[in-house]
C-alpha atoms as a PDB file:
ATOM      1  CA  UNK A   1      65.748 177.159 244.208  1.00  0.00           C
ATOM      2  CA  UNK A   2      67.171 179.007 241.233  1.00  0.00           C
ATOM      3  CA  UNK A   3      64.078 181.225 241.153  1.00  0.00           C
ATOM      4  CA  UNK A   4      64.494 182.058 244.833  1.00  0.00           C
ATOM      5  CA  UNK A   5      68.122 183.123 244.366  1.00  0.00           C
ATOM      6  CA  UNK A   6      67.100 185.256 241.368  1.00  0.00           C
ATOM      7  CA  UNK A   7      64.320 186.940 243.363  1.00  0.00           C
ATOM      8  CA  UNK A   8      66.667 187.574 246.300  1.00  0.00           C
ATOM      9  CA  UNK A   9      69.320 189.034 243.987  1.00  0.00           C
ATOM     10  CA  UNK A  10      66.826 191.360 242.320  1.00  0.00           C
ATOM     11  CA  UNK A  11      65.453 192.418 245.715  1.00  0.00           C
ATOM     12  CA  UNK A  12      68.936 193.189 247.052  1.00  0.00           C
ATOM     13  CA  UNK A  13      69.813 195.159 243.919  1.00  0.00           C
ATOM     14  CA  UNK A  14      66.621 197.171 244.130  1.00  0.00           C
ATOM     15  CA  UNK A  15      67.184 197.889 247.832  1.00  0.00           C
ATOM     16  CA  UNK A  16      70.821 198.952 247.519  1.00  0.00           C
ATOM     17  CA  UNK A  17      70.545 200.833 244.196  1.00  0.00           C
ATOM     18  CA  UNK A  18      72.859 203.834 243.979  1.00  0.00           C
ATOM     19  CA  UNK A  19      73.362 203.967 247.776  1.00  0.00           C
ATOM     20  CA  UNK A  20      71.375 206.838 249.314  1.00  0.00           C
ATOM     21  CA  UNK A  21      70.035 208.002 245.958  1.00  0.00           C
ATOM     22  CA  UNK A  22      68.629 204.648 244.942  1.00  0.00           C
ATOM     23  CA  UNK A  23      68.455 203.595 241.339  1.00  0.00           C
ATOM     24  CA  UNK A  24      65.252 201.643 241.194  1.00  0.00           C
ATOM     25  CA  UNK A  25      63.114 200.766 238.195  1.00  0.00           C
ATOM     26  CA  UNK A  26      60.993 203.883 238.573  1.00  0.00           C
ATOM     27  CA  UNK A  27      63.993 206.247 238.689  1.00  0.00           C
ATOM     28  CA  UNK A  28      65.768 204.472 235.830  1.00  0.00           C
ATOM     29  CA  UNK A  29      62.588 204.574 233.728  1.00  0.00           C
ATOM     30  CA  UNK A  30      62.095 208.302 234.347  1.00  0.00           C
ATOM     31  CA  UNK A  31      65.717 209.131 233.478  1.00  0.00           C
ATOM     32  CA  UNK A  32      65.692 206.995 230.309  1.00  0.00           C
ATOM     33  CA  UNK A  33      62.393 208.460 229.076  1.00  0.00           C
ATOM     34  CA  UNK A  34      63.635 211.996 229.754  1.00  0.00           C
ATOM     35  CA  UNK A  35      67.055 211.481 228.120  1.00  0.00           C
ATOM     36  CA  UNK A  36      65.860 209.654 224.989  1.00  0.00           C
ATOM     37  CA  UNK A  37      62.490 211.446 224.725  1.00  0.00           C
ATOM     38  CA  UNK A  38      60.168 208.432 224.494  1.00  0.00           C
ATOM     39  CA  UNK A  39      57.826 208.019 222.743  1.00  0.00           C
ATOM     40  CA  UNK A  40      59.760 209.111 219.690  1.00  0.00           C
ATOM     41  CA  UNK A  41      59.405 209.010 215.924  1.00  0.00           C
ATOM     42  CA  UNK A  42      61.822 206.963 213.829  1.00  0.00           C
ATOM     43  CA  UNK A  43      62.471 208.453 210.405  1.00  0.00           C
ATOM     44  CA  UNK A  44      64.036 207.636 207.056  1.00  0.00           C
ATOM     45  CA  UNK A  45      65.047 209.753 204.073  1.00  0.00           C
ATOM     46  CA  UNK A  46      63.476 209.072 200.682  1.00  0.00           C
ATOM     47  CA  UNK A  47      65.579 210.335 197.780  1.00  0.00           C
ATOM     48  CA  UNK A  48      62.792 211.169 195.354  1.00  0.00           C
ATOM     49  CA  UNK A  49      65.086 211.699 192.351  1.00  0.00           C
ATOM     50  CA  UNK A  50      67.089 208.482 192.794  1.00  0.00           C
ATOM     51  CA  UNK A  51      66.119 205.593 190.484  1.00  0.00           C
ATOM     52  CA  UNK A  52      67.290 203.060 193.089  1.00  0.00           C
ATOM     53  CA  UNK A  53      64.994 204.541 195.736  1.00  0.00           C
ATOM     54  CA  UNK A  54      62.146 204.580 193.215  1.00  0.00           C
ATOM     55  CA  UNK A  55      62.761 200.861 192.590  1.00  0.00           C
ATOM     56  CA  UNK A  56      62.757 200.111 196.340  1.00  0.00           C
ATOM     57  CA  UNK A  57      59.485 202.006 196.750  1.00  0.00           C
ATOM     58  CA  UNK A  58      57.931 200.037 193.890  1.00  0.00           C
ATOM     59  CA  UNK A  59      59.021 196.757 195.534  1.00  0.00           C
ATOM     60  CA  UNK A  60      57.642 197.868 198.914  1.00  0.00           C
ATOM     61  CA  UNK A  61      54.086 198.128 197.587  1.00  0.00           C
ATOM     62  CA  UNK A  62      53.537 201.744 198.646  1.00  0.00           C
ATOM     63  CA  UNK A  63      52.194 202.635 195.216  1.00  0.00           C
ATOM     64  CA  UNK A  64      49.506 199.926 195.452  1.00  0.00           C
ATOM     65  CA  UNK A  65      48.521 201.303 198.869  1.00  0.00           C
ATOM     66  CA  UNK A  66      48.021 204.726 197.301  1.00  0.00           C
ATOM     67  CA  UNK A  67      50.766 206.489 199.265  1.00  0.00           C
ATOM     68  CA  UNK A  68      53.112 207.347 196.386  1.00  0.00           C
ATOM     69  CA  UNK A  69      53.214 207.700 192.626  1.00  0.00           C
ATOM     70  CA  UNK A  70      56.363 206.452 190.888  1.00  0.00           C
ATOM     71  CA  UNK A  71      57.360 207.497 187.371  1.00  0.00           C
ATOM     72  CA  UNK A  72      58.658 204.399 185.636  1.00  0.00           C
ATOM     73  CA  UNK A  73      60.172 206.337 182.733  1.00  0.00           C
ATOM     74  CA  UNK A  74      61.470 209.853 182.439  1.00  0.00           C
ATOM     75  CA  UNK A  75      61.942 211.964 179.337  1.00  0.00           C
ATOM     76  CA  UNK A  76      65.150 213.859 178.742  1.00  0.00           C
ATOM     77  CA  UNK A  77      63.426 217.199 179.344  1.00  0.00           C
ATOM     78  CA  UNK A  78      62.249 215.902 182.764  1.00  0.00           C
ATOM     79  CA  UNK A  79      65.790 215.020 183.898  1.00  0.00           C
ATOM     80  CA  UNK A  80      66.409 216.213 187.445  1.00  0.00           C
ATOM     81  CA  UNK A  81      62.744 216.084 188.435  1.00  0.00           C
ATOM     82  CA  UNK A  82      61.656 213.655 191.151  1.00  0.00           C
ATOM     83  CA  UNK A  83      60.659 210.115 190.215  1.00  0.00           C
ATOM     84  CA  UNK A  84      58.625 209.681 193.400  1.00  0.00           C
ATOM     85  CA  UNK A  85      55.659 211.863 194.367  1.00  0.00           C
ATOM     86  CA  UNK A  86      53.675 211.523 197.585  1.00  0.00           C
ATOM     87  CA  UNK A  87      49.876 211.439 197.534  1.00  0.00           C
ATOM     88  CA  UNK A  88      47.527 213.068 200.046  1.00  0.00           C
ATOM     89  CA  UNK A  89      47.246 209.687 201.820  1.00  0.00           C
ATOM     90  CA  UNK A  90      50.972 209.897 202.681  1.00  0.00           C
ATOM     91  CA  UNK A  91      50.621 213.276 204.414  1.00  0.00           C
ATOM     92  CA  UNK A  92      50.477 211.817 207.994  1.00  0.00           C
ATOM     93  CA  UNK A  93      53.841 210.113 207.378  1.00  0.00           C
ATOM     94  CA  UNK A  94      55.701 213.119 205.942  1.00  0.00           C
ATOM     95  CA  UNK A  95      57.968 214.808 208.480  1.00  0.00           C
ATOM     96  CA  UNK A  96      59.357 218.350 208.418  1.00  0.00           C
ATOM     97  CA  UNK A  97      62.271 218.492 205.995  1.00  0.00           C
ATOM     98  CA  UNK A  98      64.894 221.220 205.598  1.00  0.00           C
ATOM     99  CA  UNK A  99      64.703 223.634 202.678  1.00  0.00           C
ATOM    100  CA  UNK A 100      67.982 222.298 201.225  1.00  0.00           C
ATOM    101  CA  UNK A 101      66.651 218.735 201.290  1.00  0.00           C
ATOM    102  CA  UNK A 102      63.401 219.765 199.617  1.00  0.00           C
ATOM    103  CA  UNK A 103      65.371 221.498 196.849  1.00  0.00           C
ATOM    104  CA  UNK A 104      67.395 218.285 196.418  1.00  0.00           C
ATOM    105  CA  UNK A 105      64.181 216.198 196.231  1.00  0.00           C
ATOM    106  CA  UNK A 106      64.758 214.518 199.584  1.00  0.00           C
ATOM    107  CA  UNK A 107      61.824 213.875 201.933  1.00  0.00           C
ATOM    108  CA  UNK A 108      61.950 212.653 205.524  1.00  0.00           C
ATOM    109  CA  UNK A 109      59.222 210.079 206.288  1.00  0.00           C
ATOM    110  CA  UNK A 110      57.998 208.445 209.482  1.00  0.00           C
ATOM    111  CA  UNK A 111      58.773 204.717 209.547  1.00  0.00           C
ATOM    112  CA  UNK A 112      57.797 203.893 213.135  1.00  0.00           C
ATOM    113  CA  UNK A 113      56.795 205.139 216.563  1.00  0.00           C
ATOM    114  CA  UNK A 114      59.072 203.837 219.314  1.00  0.00           C
ATOM    115  CA  UNK A 115      57.842 203.780 222.912  1.00  0.00           C
ATOM    116  CA  UNK A 116      59.529 202.740 226.148  1.00  0.00           C
ATOM    117  CA  UNK A 117      58.409 199.271 227.255  1.00  0.00           C
ATOM    118  CA  UNK A 118      60.142 198.021 230.404  1.00  0.00           C
ATOM    119  CA  UNK A 119      63.353 197.729 232.382  1.00  0.00           C
ATOM    120  CA  UNK A 120      64.729 194.232 231.804  1.00  0.00           C
ATOM    121  CA  UNK A 121      67.659 194.265 234.205  1.00  0.00           C
ATOM    122  CA  UNK A 122      69.501 196.553 236.621  1.00  0.00           C
ATOM    123  CA  UNK A 123      73.055 195.477 237.481  1.00  0.00           C
ATOM    124  CA  UNK A 124      74.843 197.441 240.196  1.00  0.00           C
ATOM    125  CA  UNK A 125      78.652 197.328 239.977  1.00  0.00           C
ATOM    126  CA  UNK A 126      80.587 196.151 243.043  1.00  0.00           C
ATOM    127  CA  UNK A 127      81.629 199.728 243.898  1.00  0.00           C
ATOM    128  CA  UNK A 128      77.949 200.647 244.240  1.00  0.00           C
ATOM    129  CA  UNK A 129      78.630 203.833 242.271  1.00  0.00           C
ATOM    130  CA  UNK A 130      77.811 202.496 238.787  1.00  0.00           C
ATOM    131  CA  UNK A 131      74.894 200.611 237.284  1.00  0.00           C
ATOM    132  CA  UNK A 132      74.176 198.953 233.952  1.00  0.00           C
ATOM    133  CA  UNK A 133      70.520 198.983 232.914  1.00  0.00           C
ATOM    134  CA  UNK A 134      68.993 196.993 230.079  1.00  0.00           C
ATOM    135  CA  UNK A 135      65.590 198.096 228.816  1.00  0.00           C
ATOM    136  CA  UNK A 136      63.283 197.366 225.913  1.00  0.00           C
ATOM    137  CA  UNK A 137      61.162 199.449 223.579  1.00  0.00           C
ATOM    138  CA  UNK A 138      58.176 198.633 221.401  1.00  0.00           C
ATOM    139  CA  UNK A 139      57.899 199.859 217.821  1.00  0.00           C
ATOM    140  CA  UNK A 140      54.736 200.415 215.830  1.00  0.00           C
ATOM    141  CA  UNK A 141      55.771 200.396 212.178  1.00  0.00           C
ATOM    142  CA  UNK A 142      54.112 202.545 209.530  1.00  0.00           C
ATOM    143  CA  UNK A 143      53.617 201.536 205.904  1.00  0.00           C
ATOM    144  CA  UNK A 144      56.884 203.302 205.045  1.00  0.00           C
ATOM    145  CA  UNK A 145      58.883 200.818 207.154  1.00  0.00           C
ATOM    146  CA  UNK A 146      58.644 198.461 204.172  1.00  0.00           C
ATOM    147  CA  UNK A 147      61.075 200.736 202.275  1.00  0.00           C
ATOM    148  CA  UNK A 148      63.959 199.679 204.532  1.00  0.00           C
ATOM    149  CA  UNK A 149      66.271 196.953 203.252  1.00  0.00           C
ATOM    150  CA  UNK A 150      66.039 195.094 206.574  1.00  0.00           C
ATOM    151  CA  UNK A 151      62.775 194.660 208.403  1.00  0.00           C
ATOM    152  CA  UNK A 152      62.377 196.745 211.525  1.00  0.00           C
ATOM    153  CA  UNK A 153      61.856 194.522 214.600  1.00  0.00           C
ATOM    154  CA  UNK A 154      58.761 195.112 216.735  1.00  0.00           C
ATOM    155  CA  UNK A 155      60.891 195.310 219.900  1.00  0.00           C
ATOM    156  CA  UNK A 156      64.399 196.552 220.582  1.00  0.00           C
ATOM    157  CA  UNK A 157      66.700 196.154 223.562  1.00  0.00           C
ATOM    158  CA  UNK A 158      69.176 198.806 224.716  1.00  0.00           C
ATOM    159  CA  UNK A 159      71.842 199.041 227.421  1.00  0.00           C
ATOM    160  CA  UNK A 160      72.546 202.302 229.250  1.00  0.00           C
ATOM    161  CA  UNK A 161      74.942 203.247 232.026  1.00  0.00           C
ATOM    162  CA  UNK A 162      74.283 205.143 235.241  1.00  0.00           C
ATOM    163  CA  UNK A 163      76.717 206.662 237.713  1.00  0.00           C
ATOM    164  CA  UNK A 164      76.125 208.018 241.232  1.00  0.00           C
ATOM    165  CA  UNK A 165      77.055 211.678 241.687  1.00  0.00           C
ATOM    166  CA  UNK A 166      76.308 214.232 244.400  1.00  0.00           C
ATOM    167  CA  UNK A 167      73.167 215.130 242.429  1.00  0.00           C
ATOM    168  CA  UNK A 168      71.929 211.526 242.388  1.00  0.00           C
ATOM    169  CA  UNK A 169      72.023 208.891 239.682  1.00  0.00           C
ATOM    170  CA  UNK A 170      72.792 210.180 236.202  1.00  0.00           C
ATOM    171  CA  UNK A 171      72.673 208.506 232.818  1.00  0.00           C
ATOM    172  CA  UNK A 172      76.002 208.808 230.983  1.00  0.00           C
ATOM    173  CA  UNK A 173      76.998 208.367 227.332  1.00  0.00           C
ATOM    174  CA  UNK A 174      79.845 205.880 227.385  1.00  0.00           C
ATOM    175  CA  UNK A 175      80.629 202.581 225.709  1.00  0.00           C
ATOM    176  CA  UNK A 176      80.896 199.498 227.933  1.00  0.00           C
ATOM    177  CA  UNK A 177      84.716 199.612 227.986  1.00  0.00           C
ATOM    178  CA  UNK A 178      84.799 203.341 228.776  1.00  0.00           C
ATOM    179  CA  UNK A 179      82.201 202.797 231.483  1.00  0.00           C
ATOM    180  CA  UNK A 180      84.204 200.047 233.226  1.00  0.00           C
ATOM    181  CA  UNK A 181      87.371 202.196 233.216  1.00  0.00           C
ATOM    182  CA  UNK A 182      85.461 205.375 234.206  1.00  0.00           C
END
């Protein structure tokens, strides 16, 4: 019985959507993918001259995998030079980095690819002019994800807000409280 009421609720929501310009799963998916540019690359900055970053890279096992070389000691005349160097095997994970960052021995690396997975829930507000959509993404971590202090989950769940305008349903950047008052 509970399943039947859930199915009926979902069916009614999908049928009513954003009134004439319906917000269904297909429309919501298209708008989310367009707005957040899925699939996308997740990145992280490696501070090559920082001893703490060098220590984290040593703990992550990237040197054993042949992706980086870490200087464990540095002579006084080498002060200011990077402690971490990337090998040719790391080239696919190195992302474009600004000239200022390169001069400061900072390198942007790819830690994961994030792709849109599925719409989990579409909730239409009682006014019929607003909707709250929950969706999930899937992440494929690279070897450099091990540098992060916290592990990167394989899936992530996000909540976004839609509003009905004359142009159809649009995704808006608001917090939950701002959205309710909006």
